[in-house]
Amino acid sequence: MRLLIIEDEPKTAALLRDALTEQEFEVVCAYDGESGLACAQTQAWDALLVDIMLPKRDGLSVVRTLRAAGQVTPVIMLSARGDVEQRIEGLDAGADDYLPKPFAMSELLARLRSLVRRNVQAKSTRITVADLSFDTATHETRRAGKRVELSSRETRLLECLLRAEGRVVSRRDIISTVWEYDFDPGTNLVDVYVRRLREKIDRDQTTTLIQTVRGLGYKLRPQL
């Protein structure tokens, strides 16, 4: 599981990182609210640990911004203050759980696993590649937390590429799946729609996802 820790105290961040890494979590640390928010928005995470008192942007603001953008990654807020008012404020901001410091690592691990387990169940209809998510039930598409509006044909094309799980999909298979033709009409129809989809999915992104495999077809996976 990939965890992002947003904590400005280096010793606390290091202790959390080391303890969670021992439990086979993949952990990345950010040390202020601005860099933490950027990291949360541009990468895919299984959970976030967010301290409330942060430089540049406080933890409550980070969580509110993520939730306003549609980010549903589970969040546990951490704070040296454990009074009821602040817990309510953290939960109202969009946090899933609140853990006052100091806390037992065993309790943090139990809460993390519970949150991630619930999130996996909730995401049973969601396909995710890097920071792109697609809900097969609602057809909602998001890139880096931002909603992407697609036409029905573009949606079918995206789902076709996502379900291939990074493998190359031939033009013929795309035509069969997206247009339900059992023959190649001999036009550039596929190329046109792939270009349109790429404009909406990859435009202004640092990592491109839709790859052309010359002579074979297309695949959807982060460019190495």
Foldseek 3Di string as FASTA:
>chain_A
DEEEEAAQPVVVLVVVCVVVVVVVYHYDYHRALVVSLVVLLQWDGQEYEAEQDGPPDGRLRSLLVLVVLVNQRAYEYEYCDDDPVVQVSSVVSPHPYYDYPPDDVVVVVVVSVVSSVVVCVVCVQWQDATQWIAGNVVRFIDGSSHTFDDDPLLSQLVVVQRVVVFDFDAPQNSCCRRVVDNDDPPDCVVVVSLVVNQCRHVPPHPWGFWDADPPGHIHGHTDD
